[in-house]
Structures are given as structure tokens and as C-alpha cells.
Amino acid sequence: MSQQASVLRRIVSADGKRYAELSARGIFFAFEEYTEEHDSGYAFMVPTHCSGLYATQAEAERDMMAELPWLRDGNVA
């Protein structure tokens, strides 16, 4: 049985073309980055980075900030 992810935090880039989500997955935590893509006149968000699982929310959030350059640089809305 798969565990539904519960989004704990969403951070949007200053230009609105990326966002990162920190989520709880059962007893674990993870983060994903989504980036705006375009095709045939349509804009949509696609996953561009998916982390592994973390034992604590603090560990996941620390690595999310370290691994995503736009978050490291403070380029947030």
C-alpha cells in the first residue's frame, strides 16, 4: 500500500517558474522541485528533482536548501 504525500511547505521562486515542496510520506520526509516547461503553446510544471527519504523534516529541509541552487541563493517570492 502506498502512502499519500502530505505537503508541509511550498516555496516558489521569485520568477514563479520553479517551486519546491517539502512533504511527509508516512513516517518519512522528502522534497521535490518542479520547473515550468512549454510545449505546443502550453505551460506546465514538471518534476526536475526528487530527493530520497529522510528520517526527519529538519534533514529534508536542510538538504532541500543546500541542493537547489535558487533556494541557496535566496531567489524566492
Foldseek 3Di string as FASTA:
>chain_A
DFFDWDWDDKWAFLVRQKIKTWTDTPQWIWMWMWGWDDDPHDIDIDTDDTGDIHNDSVVRVVVVCVPDVRSVVVRTD
